[in-house]
Amino acid sequence: MRRSKLEMYIDILEVLALRGPLKLTHIMYKANVNCSVLKEYLDFLIEQNLVQERTVAKRRVVYAITERGRTVIKYFRELKQILPIIEETKNNLPIPY
């Protein structure tokens, strides 16, 4: 099933929260997002101060979640618990042919 942009943002944030600072390719595989889309989404998350880009060992670039990013995950999880209807509605949508 196709994920929404919001779900993909949250998946990226959760990967970074669980695994710590990661290189682009590691995020790509763990969040199941292709490279060009991931770069676009990371740029957005960086602009929103949810993720930060860090340079390690002079050349290696890694991405890390910020405290604000952790707060967003926390609120998203709470919202999913409060509104379980979102999942029910999503599962009952007709399948396009």
PDB file of N, CA and C in Angstrom:
ATOM      1  N   MET A   1       0.837  -1.182   0.000  1.00  0.00           N
ATOM      2  CA  MET A   1       0.000   0.000   0.000  1.00  0.00           C
ATOM      3  C   MET A   1       0.883   1.246   0.000  1.00  0.00           C
ATOM      4  N   ARG A   2       0.485   2.220  -0.748  1.00  0.00           N
ATOM      5  CA  ARG A   2       1.236   3.462  -0.873  1.00  0.00           C
ATOM      6  C   ARG A   2       1.110   4.315   0.392  1.00  0.00           C
ATOM      7  N   ARG A   3       2.231   4.891   0.811  1.00  0.00           N
ATOM      8  CA  ARG A   3       2.235   5.742   2.004  1.00  0.00           C
ATOM      9  C   ARG A   3       2.033   7.201   1.615  1.00  0.00           C
ATOM     10  N   SER A   4       1.404   7.948   2.502  1.00  0.00           N
ATOM     11  CA  SER A   4       1.259   9.388   2.295  1.00  0.00           C
ATOM     12  C   SER A   4       2.596  10.063   2.612  1.00  0.00           C
ATOM     13  N   LYS A   5       2.711  11.326   2.241  1.00  0.00           N
ATOM     14  CA  LYS A   5       3.923  12.078   2.570  1.00  0.00           C
ATOM     15  C   LYS A   5       4.134  12.118   4.076  1.00  0.00           C
ATOM     16  N   LEU A   6       3.052  12.354   4.811  1.00  0.00           N
ATOM     17  CA  LEU A   6       3.150  12.417   6.267  1.00  0.00           C
ATOM     18  C   LEU A   6       3.676  11.104   6.827  1.00  0.00           C
ATOM     19  N   GLU A   7       3.165   9.987   6.337  1.00  0.00           N
ATOM     20  CA  GLU A   7       3.632   8.682   6.811  1.00  0.00           C
ATOM     21  C   GLU A   7       5.104   8.472   6.482  1.00  0.00           C
ATOM     22  N   MET A   8       5.525   8.942   5.329  1.00  0.00           N
ATOM     23  CA  MET A   8       6.933   8.795   4.959  1.00  0.00           C
ATOM     24  C   MET A   8       7.825   9.680   5.831  1.00  0.00           C
ATOM     25  N   TYR A   9       7.368  10.901   6.109  1.00  0.00           N
ATOM     26  CA  TYR A   9       8.123  11.767   7.022  1.00  0.00           C
ATOM     27  C   TYR A   9       8.277  11.106   8.382  1.00  0.00           C
ATOM     28  N   ILE A  10       7.186  10.569   8.896  1.00  0.00           N
ATOM     29  CA  ILE A  10       7.205   9.916  10.208  1.00  0.00           C
ATOM     30  C   ILE A  10       8.100   8.679  10.177  1.00  0.00           C
ATOM     31  N   ASP A  11       8.029   7.893   9.106  1.00  0.00           N
ATOM     32  CA  ASP A  11       8.897   6.706   8.994  1.00  0.00           C
ATOM     33  C   ASP A  11      10.374   7.102   9.044  1.00  0.00           C
ATOM     34  N   ILE A  12      10.733   8.164   8.346  1.00  0.00           N
ATOM     35  CA  ILE A  12      12.126   8.639   8.346  1.00  0.00           C
ATOM     36  C   ILE A  12      12.526   9.087   9.745  1.00  0.00           C
ATOM     37  N   LEU A  13      11.657   9.846  10.393  1.00  0.00           N
ATOM     38  CA  LEU A  13      11.951  10.311  11.752  1.00  0.00           C
ATOM     39  C   LEU A  13      12.091   9.136  12.718  1.00  0.00           C
ATOM     40  N   GLU A  14      11.225   8.137  12.589  1.00  0.00           N
ATOM     41  CA  GLU A  14      11.301   6.980  13.485  1.00  0.00           C
ATOM     42  C   GLU A  14      12.575   6.175  13.271  1.00  0.00           C
ATOM     43  N   VAL A  15      13.001   6.030  12.030  1.00  0.00           N
ATOM     44  CA  VAL A  15      14.258   5.338  11.746  1.00  0.00           C
ATOM     45  C   VAL A  15      15.413   6.070  12.427  1.00  0.00           C
ATOM     46  N   LEU A  16      15.433   7.386  12.289  1.00  0.00           N
ATOM     47  CA  LEU A  16      16.514   8.170  12.906  1.00  0.00           C
ATOM     48  C   LEU A  16      16.435   8.135  14.428  1.00  0.00           C
ATOM     49  N   ALA A  17      15.230   8.102  14.963  1.00  0.00           N
ATOM     50  CA  ALA A  17      15.071   8.044  16.425  1.00  0.00           C
ATOM     51  C   ALA A  17      15.551   6.707  16.972  1.00  0.00           C
ATOM     52  N   LEU A  18      15.287   5.635  16.250  1.00  0.00           N
ATOM     53  CA  LEU A  18      15.665   4.296  16.716  1.00  0.00           C
ATOM     54  C   LEU A  18      17.129   3.960  16.467  1.00  0.00           C
ATOM     55  N   ARG A  19      17.659   4.401  15.341  1.00  0.00           N
ATOM     56  CA  ARG A  19      18.998   3.971  14.919  1.00  0.00           C
ATOM     57  C   ARG A  19      20.096   4.994  15.141  1.00  0.00           C
ATOM     58  N   GLY A  20      19.734   6.212  15.517  1.00  0.00           N
ATOM     59  CA  GLY A  20      20.759   7.235  15.705  1.00  0.00           C
ATOM     60  C   GLY A  20      21.146   7.870  14.387  1.00  0.00           C
ATOM     61  N   PRO A  21      22.170   8.708  14.369  1.00  0.00           N
ATOM     62  CA  PRO A  21      22.607   9.347  13.124  1.00  0.00           C
ATOM     63  C   PRO A  21      22.973   8.299  12.068  1.00  0.00           C
ATOM     64  N   LEU A  22      22.447   8.503  10.853  1.00  0.00           N
ATOM     65  CA  LEU A  22      22.674   7.532   9.774  1.00  0.00           C
ATOM     66  C   LEU A  22      23.050   8.233   8.478  1.00  0.00           C
ATOM     67  N   LYS A  23      23.765   7.487   7.634  1.00  0.00           N
ATOM     68  CA  LYS A  23      24.065   7.957   6.293  1.00  0.00           C
ATOM     69  C   LYS A  23      22.799   7.842   5.439  1.00  0.00           C
ATOM     70  N   LEU A  24      22.806   8.566   4.355  1.00  0.00           N
ATOM     71  CA  LEU A  24      21.666   8.602   3.443  1.00  0.00           C
ATOM     72  C   LEU A  24      21.231   7.202   3.001  1.00  0.00           C
ATOM     73  N   THR A  25      22.178   6.376   2.602  1.00  0.00           N
ATOM     74  CA  THR A  25      21.823   5.044   2.107  1.00  0.00           C
ATOM     75  C   THR A  25      21.200   4.172   3.185  1.00  0.00           C
ATOM     76  N   HIS A  26      21.655   4.322   4.411  1.00  0.00           N
ATOM     77  CA  HIS A  26      21.079   3.526   5.495  1.00  0.00           C
ATOM     78  C   HIS A  26      19.643   3.941   5.773  1.00  0.00           C
ATOM     79  N   ILE A  27      19.378   5.237   5.732  1.00  0.00           N
ATOM     80  CA  ILE A  27      18.003   5.721   5.918  1.00  0.00           C
ATOM     81  C   ILE A  27      17.137   5.196   4.778  1.00  0.00           C
ATOM     82  N   MET A  28      17.681   5.265   3.585  1.00  0.00           N
ATOM     83  CA  MET A  28      16.960   4.840   2.391  1.00  0.00           C
ATOM     84  C   MET A  28      16.459   3.399   2.532  1.00  0.00           C
ATOM     85  N   TYR A  29      17.322   2.501   2.959  1.00  0.00           N
ATOM     86  CA  TYR A  29      16.935   1.098   3.088  1.00  0.00           C
ATOM     87  C   TYR A  29      16.022   0.847   4.280  1.00  0.00           C
ATOM     88  N   LYS A  30      16.302   1.479   5.399  1.00  0.00           N
ATOM     89  CA  LYS A  30      15.515   1.219   6.611  1.00  0.00           C
ATOM     90  C   LYS A  30      14.116   1.843   6.545  1.00  0.00           C
ATOM     91  N   ALA A  31      13.989   2.978   5.853  1.00  0.00           N
ATOM     92  CA  ALA A  31      12.681   3.629   5.723  1.00  0.00           C
ATOM     93  C   ALA A  31      11.972   3.232   4.428  1.00  0.00           C
ATOM     94  N   ASN A  32      12.661   2.467   3.590  1.00  0.00           N
ATOM     95  CA  ASN A  32      12.102   1.999   2.315  1.00  0.00           C
ATOM     96  C   ASN A  32      11.640   3.168   1.436  1.00  0.00           C
ATOM     97  N   VAL A  33      12.590   4.078   1.165  1.00  0.00           N
ATOM     98  CA  VAL A  33      12.324   5.261   0.342  1.00  0.00           C
ATOM     99  C   VAL A  33      13.426   5.348  -0.701  1.00  0.00           C
ATOM    100  N   ASN A  34      13.071   5.678  -1.951  1.00  0.00           N
ATOM    101  CA  ASN A  34      14.125   5.783  -2.960  1.00  0.00           C
ATOM    102  C   ASN A  34      14.943   7.056  -2.749  1.00  0.00           C
ATOM    103  N   CYS A  35      16.111   7.083  -3.315  1.00  0.00           N
ATOM    104  CA  CYS A  35      17.108   8.108  -3.019  1.00  0.00           C
ATOM    105  C   CYS A  35      16.639   9.523  -3.352  1.00  0.00           C
ATOM    106  N   SER A  36      16.091   9.736  -4.529  1.00  0.00           N
ATOM    107  CA  SER A  36      15.693  11.093  -4.916  1.00  0.00           C
ATOM    108  C   SER A  36      14.566  11.621  -4.031  1.00  0.00           C
ATOM    109  N   VAL A  37      13.604  10.767  -3.698  1.00  0.00           N
ATOM    110  CA  VAL A  37      12.511  11.164  -2.810  1.00  0.00           C
ATOM    111  C   VAL A  37      13.053  11.427  -1.414  1.00  0.00           C
ATOM    112  N   LEU A  38      13.958  10.584  -0.953  1.00  0.00           N
ATOM    113  CA  LEU A  38      14.528  10.746   0.379  1.00  0.00           C
ATOM    114  C   LEU A  38      15.243  12.083   0.513  1.00  0.00           C
ATOM    115  N   LYS A  39      16.010  12.463  -0.484  1.00  0.00           N
ATOM    116  CA  LYS A  39      16.714  13.747  -0.433  1.00  0.00           C
ATOM    117  C   LYS A  39      15.728  14.904  -0.316  1.00  0.00           C
ATOM    118  N   GLU A  40      14.667  14.844  -1.093  1.00  0.00           N
ATOM    119  CA  GLU A  40      13.627  15.878  -1.044  1.00  0.00           C
ATOM    120  C   GLU A  40      12.990  15.936   0.348  1.00  0.00           C
ATOM    121  N   TYR A  41      12.668  14.774   0.906  1.00  0.00           N
ATOM    122  CA  TYR A  41      12.012  14.719   2.210  1.00  0.00           C
ATOM    123  C   TYR A  41      12.960  15.154   3.325  1.00  0.00           C
ATOM    124  N   LEU A  42      14.222  14.767   3.225  1.00  0.00           N
ATOM    125  CA  LEU A  42      15.196  15.209   4.228  1.00  0.00           C
ATOM    126  C   LEU A  42      15.377  16.725   4.191  1.00  0.00           C
ATOM    127  N   ASP A  43      15.394  17.296   2.995  1.00  0.00           N
ATOM    128  CA  ASP A  43      15.500  18.759   2.879  1.00  0.00           C
ATOM    129  C   ASP A  43      14.333  19.425   3.608  1.00  0.00           C
ATOM    130  N   PHE A  44      13.129  18.896   3.406  1.00  0.00           N
ATOM    131  CA  PHE A  44      11.955  19.445   4.089  1.00  0.00           C
ATOM    132  C   PHE A  44      12.089  19.297   5.604  1.00  0.00           C
ATOM    133  N   LEU A  45      12.485  18.110   6.061  1.00  0.00           N
ATOM    134  CA  LEU A  45      12.621  17.856   7.499  1.00  0.00           C
ATOM    135  C   LEU A  45      13.705  18.742   8.125  1.00  0.00           C
ATOM    136  N   ILE A  46      14.758  19.010   7.379  1.00  0.00           N
ATOM    137  CA  ILE A  46      15.825  19.901   7.859  1.00  0.00           C
ATOM    138  C   ILE A  46      15.293  21.340   7.961  1.00  0.00           C
ATOM    139  N   GLU A  47      14.548  21.784   6.932  1.00  0.00           N
ATOM    140  CA  GLU A  47      13.970  23.129   6.958  1.00  0.00           C
ATOM    141  C   GLU A  47      13.032  23.315   8.149  1.00  0.00           C
ATOM    142  N   GLN A  48      12.365  22.247   8.552  1.00  0.00           N
ATOM    143  CA  GLN A  48      11.423  22.307   9.668  1.00  0.00           C
ATOM    144  C   GLN A  48      12.104  22.086  11.017  1.00  0.00           C
ATOM    145  N   ASN A  49      13.418  21.927  11.000  1.00  0.00           N
ATOM    146  CA  ASN A  49      14.204  21.675  12.208  1.00  0.00           C
ATOM    147  C   ASN A  49      13.797  20.376  12.911  1.00  0.00           C
ATOM    148  N   LEU A  50      13.455  19.371  12.118  1.00  0.00           N
ATOM    149  CA  LEU A  50      13.116  18.059  12.659  1.00  0.00           C
ATOM    150  C   LEU A  50      14.299  17.098  12.526  1.00  0.00           C
ATOM    151  N   VAL A  51      15.168  17.398  11.567  1.00  0.00           N
ATOM    152  CA  VAL A  51      16.371  16.601  11.308  1.00  0.00           C
ATOM    153  C   VAL A  51      17.519  17.577  11.097  1.00  0.00           C
ATOM    154  N   GLN A  52      18.721  17.149  11.485  1.00  0.00           N
ATOM    155  CA  GLN A  52      19.896  17.962  11.204  1.00  0.00           C
ATOM    156  C   GLN A  52      20.935  17.140  10.459  1.00  0.00           C
ATOM    157  N   GLU A  53      21.627  17.832   9.570  1.00  0.00           N
ATOM    158  CA  GLU A  53      22.695  17.213   8.794  1.00  0.00           C
ATOM    159  C   GLU A  53      23.999  17.475   9.525  1.00  0.00           C
ATOM    160  N   ARG A  54      24.790  16.427   9.696  1.00  0.00           N
ATOM    161  CA  ARG A  54      26.076  16.561  10.386  1.00  0.00           C
ATOM    162  C   ARG A  54      27.189  16.012   9.501  1.00  0.00           C
ATOM    163  N   THR A  55      28.336  16.654   9.569  1.00  0.00           N
ATOM    164  CA  THR A  55      29.513  16.151   8.867  1.00  0.00           C
ATOM    165  C   THR A  55      30.411  15.486   9.890  1.00  0.00           C
ATOM    166  N   VAL A  56      30.757  14.233   9.624  1.00  0.00           N
ATOM    167  CA  VAL A  56      31.580  13.440  10.531  1.00  0.00           C
ATOM    168  C   VAL A  56      32.851  13.051   9.780  1.00  0.00           C
ATOM    169  N   ALA A  57      33.965  13.100  10.451  1.00  0.00           N
ATOM    170  CA  ALA A  57      35.255  12.712   9.858  1.00  0.00           C
ATOM    171  C   ALA A  57      35.538  13.489   8.565  1.00  0.00           C
ATOM    172  N   LYS A  58      35.255  14.774   8.579  1.00  0.00           N
ATOM    173  CA  LYS A  58      35.553  15.726   7.505  1.00  0.00           C
ATOM    174  C   LYS A  58      34.731  15.548   6.228  1.00  0.00           C
ATOM    175  N   ARG A  59      34.329  14.331   5.882  1.00  0.00           N
ATOM    176  CA  ARG A  59      33.638  14.133   4.598  1.00  0.00           C
ATOM    177  C   ARG A  59      32.326  13.374   4.710  1.00  0.00           C
ATOM    178  N   ARG A  60      32.172  12.583   5.714  1.00  0.00           N
ATOM    179  CA  ARG A  60      30.991  11.728   5.828  1.00  0.00           C
ATOM    180  C   ARG A  60      29.805  12.531   6.376  1.00  0.00           C
ATOM    181  N   VAL A  61      28.696  12.504   5.658  1.00  0.00           N
ATOM    182  CA  VAL A  61      27.499  13.227   6.074  1.00  0.00           C
ATOM    183  C   VAL A  61      26.503  12.237   6.666  1.00  0.00           C
ATOM    184  N   VAL A  62      25.994  12.569   7.841  1.00  0.00           N
ATOM    185  CA  VAL A  62      24.963  11.751   8.481  1.00  0.00           C
ATOM    186  C   VAL A  62      23.799  12.661   8.858  1.00  0.00           C
ATOM    187  N   TYR A  63      22.658  12.036   9.086  1.00  0.00           N
ATOM    188  CA  TYR A  63      21.449  12.766   9.448  1.00  0.00           C
ATOM    189  C   TYR A  63      20.986  12.282  10.813  1.00  0.00           C
ATOM    190  N   ALA A  64      20.576  13.238  11.654  1.00  0.00           N
ATOM    191  CA  ALA A  64      20.150  12.916  13.015  1.00  0.00           C
ATOM    192  C   ALA A  64      18.836  13.633  13.316  1.00  0.00           C
ATOM    193  N   ILE A  65      18.005  12.996  14.111  1.00  0.00           N
ATOM    194  CA  ILE A  65      16.749  13.603  14.521  1.00  0.00           C
ATOM    195  C   ILE A  65      17.025  14.648  15.602  1.00  0.00           C
ATOM    196  N   THR A  66      16.255  15.713  15.602  1.00  0.00           N
ATOM    197  CA  THR A  66      16.382  16.752  16.626  1.00  0.00           C
ATOM    198  C   THR A  66      15.352  16.497  17.729  1.00  0.00           C
ATOM    199  N   GLU A  67      15.439  17.262  18.794  1.00  0.00           N
ATOM    200  CA  GLU A  67      14.433  17.146  19.865  1.00  0.00           C
ATOM    201  C   GLU A  67      13.045  17.477  19.332  1.00  0.00           C
ATOM    202  N   ARG A  68      12.994  18.467  18.461  1.00  0.00           N
ATOM    203  CA  ARG A  68      11.699  18.825  17.862  1.00  0.00           C
ATOM    204  C   ARG A  68      11.153  17.648  17.045  1.00  0.00           C
ATOM    205  N   GLY A  69      12.029  16.937  16.356  1.00  0.00           N
ATOM    206  CA  GLY A  69      11.614  15.754  15.603  1.00  0.00           C
ATOM    207  C   GLY A  69      11.061  14.675  16.520  1.00  0.00           C
ATOM    208  N   ARG A  70      11.700  14.477  17.656  1.00  0.00           N
ATOM    209  CA  ARG A  70      11.204  13.498  18.640  1.00  0.00           C
ATOM    210  C   ARG A  70       9.831  13.900  19.171  1.00  0.00           C
ATOM    211  N   THR A  71       9.634  15.191  19.365  1.00  0.00           N
ATOM    212  CA  THR A  71       8.340  15.687  19.831  1.00  0.00           C
ATOM    213  C   THR A  71       7.255  15.418  18.784  1.00  0.00           C
ATOM    214  N   VAL A  72       7.574  15.612  17.522  1.00  0.00           N
ATOM    215  CA  VAL A  72       6.611  15.350  16.447  1.00  0.00           C
ATOM    216  C   VAL A  72       6.205  13.875  16.448  1.00  0.00           C
ATOM    217  N   ILE A  73       7.167  12.979  16.600  1.00  0.00           N
ATOM    218  CA  ILE A  73       6.855  11.545  16.656  1.00  0.00           C
ATOM    219  C   ILE A  73       5.928  11.255  17.828  1.00  0.00           C
ATOM    220  N   LYS A  74       6.242  11.840  18.965  1.00  0.00           N
ATOM    221  CA  LYS A  74       5.431  11.619  20.172  1.00  0.00           C
ATOM    222  C   LYS A  74       3.986  12.052  19.930  1.00  0.00           C
ATOM    223  N   TYR A  75       3.795  13.254  19.373  1.00  0.00           N
ATOM    224  CA  TYR A  75       2.449  13.754  19.116  1.00  0.00           C
ATOM    225  C   TYR A  75       1.734  12.932  18.042  1.00  0.00           C
ATOM    226  N   PHE A  76       2.473  12.482  17.051  1.00  0.00           N
ATOM    227  CA  PHE A  76       1.866  11.660  15.993  1.00  0.00           C
ATOM    228  C   PHE A  76       1.358  10.339  16.569  1.00  0.00           C
ATOM    229  N   ARG A  77       2.150   9.716  17.439  1.00  0.00           N
ATOM    230  CA  ARG A  77       1.720   8.462  18.074  1.00  0.00           C
ATOM    231  C   ARG A  77       0.479   8.681  18.931  1.00  0.00           C
ATOM    232  N   GLU A  78       0.458   9.784  19.680  1.00  0.00           N
ATOM    233  CA  GLU A  78      -0.711  10.103  20.508  1.00  0.00           C
ATOM    234  C   GLU A  78      -1.944  10.324  19.638  1.00  0.00           C
ATOM    235  N   LEU A  79      -1.769  11.017  18.535  1.00  0.00           N
ATOM    236  CA  LEU A  79      -2.878  11.273  17.629  1.00  0.00           C
ATOM    237  C   LEU A  79      -3.423   9.971  17.040  1.00  0.00           C
ATOM    238  N   LYS A  80      -2.540   9.058  16.686  1.00  0.00           N
ATOM    239  CA  LYS A  80      -2.982   7.766  16.153  1.00  0.00           C
ATOM    240  C   LYS A  80      -3.786   6.984  17.185  1.00  0.00           C
ATOM    241  N   GLN A  81      -3.433   7.096  18.461  1.00  0.00           N
ATOM    242  CA  GLN A  81      -4.185   6.404  19.511  1.00  0.00           C
ATOM    243  C   GLN A  81      -5.549   7.050  19.720  1.00  0.00           C
ATOM    244  N   ILE A  82      -5.593   8.369  19.646  1.00  0.00           N
ATOM    245  CA  ILE A  82      -6.844   9.090  19.860  1.00  0.00           C
ATOM    246  C   ILE A  82      -7.791   8.886  18.684  1.00  0.00           C
ATOM    247  N   LEU A  83      -7.241   8.825  17.486  1.00  0.00           N
ATOM    248  CA  LEU A  83      -8.056   8.719  16.275  1.00  0.00           C
ATOM    249  C   LEU A  83      -7.811   7.407  15.523  1.00  0.00           C
ATOM    250  N   PRO A  84      -8.165   6.274  16.111  1.00  0.00           N
ATOM    251  CA  PRO A  84      -7.939   5.004  15.412  1.00  0.00           C
ATOM    252  C   PRO A  84      -8.792   4.877  14.152  1.00  0.00           C
ATOM    253  N   ILE A  85      -9.762   5.734  14.012  1.00  0.00           N
ATOM    254  CA  ILE A  85     -10.626   5.706  12.829  1.00  0.00           C
ATOM    255  C   ILE A  85      -9.823   5.932  11.546  1.00  0.00           C
ATOM    256  N   ILE A  86      -8.713   6.636  11.641  1.00  0.00           N
ATOM    257  CA  ILE A  86      -7.866   6.893  10.470  1.00  0.00           C
ATOM    258  C   ILE A  86      -7.437   5.575   9.840  1.00  0.00           C
ATOM    259  N   GLU A  87      -6.968   4.645  10.637  1.00  0.00           N
ATOM    260  CA  GLU A  87      -6.532   3.345  10.127  1.00  0.00           C
ATOM    261  C   GLU A  87      -7.704   2.544   9.575  1.00  0.00           C
ATOM    262  N   GLU A  88      -8.849   2.592  10.269  1.00  0.00           N
ATOM    263  CA  GLU A  88     -10.017   1.852   9.809  1.00  0.00           C
ATOM    264  C   GLU A  88     -10.472   2.358   8.451  1.00  0.00           C
ATOM    265  N   THR A  89     -10.534   3.668   8.295  1.00  0.00           N
ATOM    266  CA  THR A  89     -10.966   4.260   7.044  1.00  0.00           C
ATOM    267  C   THR A  89     -10.010   3.907   5.923  1.00  0.00           C
ATOM    268  N   LYS A  90      -8.737   3.956   6.214  1.00  0.00           N
ATOM    269  CA  LYS A  90      -7.712   3.649   5.218  1.00  0.00           C
ATOM    270  C   LYS A  90      -7.848   2.200   4.746  1.00  0.00           C
ATOM    271  N   ASN A  91      -8.133   1.283   5.676  1.00  0.00           N
ATOM    272  CA  ASN A  91      -8.242  -0.123   5.328  1.00  0.00           C
ATOM    273  C   ASN A  91      -9.535  -0.452   4.570  1.00  0.00           C
ATOM    274  N   ASN A  92     -10.539   0.410   4.662  1.00  0.00           N
ATOM    275  CA  ASN A  92     -11.819   0.143   4.016  1.00  0.00           C
ATOM    276  C   ASN A  92     -11.982   0.872   2.687  1.00  0.00           C
ATOM    277  N   LEU A  93     -10.946   1.526   2.220  1.00  0.00           N
ATOM    278  CA  LEU A  93     -11.029   2.216   0.937  1.00  0.00           C
ATOM    279  C   LEU A  93     -11.137   1.216  -0.197  1.00  0.00           C
ATOM    280  N   PRO A  94     -11.895   1.544  -1.227  1.00  0.00           N
ATOM    281  CA  PRO A  94     -11.997   0.620  -2.349  1.00  0.00           C
ATOM    282  C   PRO A  94     -10.666   0.523  -3.087  1.00  0.00           C
ATOM    283  N   ILE A  95     -10.398  -0.624  -3.625  1.00  0.00           N
ATOM    284  CA  ILE A  95      -9.147  -0.853  -4.368  1.00  0.00           C
ATOM    285  C   ILE A  95      -9.320  -0.345  -5.785  1.00  0.00           C
ATOM    286  N   PRO A  96      -8.458   0.595  -6.241  1.00  0.00           N
ATOM    287  CA  PRO A  96      -8.589   1.108  -7.612  1.00  0.00           C
ATOM    288  C   PRO A  96      -8.154   0.063  -8.624  1.00  0.00           C
ATOM    289  N   TYR A  97      -8.839   0.023  -9.719  1.00  0.00           N
ATOM    290  CA  TYR A  97      -8.511  -0.945 -10.789  1.00  0.00           C
ATOM    291  C   TYR A  97      -7.858  -0.277 -11.943  1.00  0.00           C
TER     292      TYR A  97
END
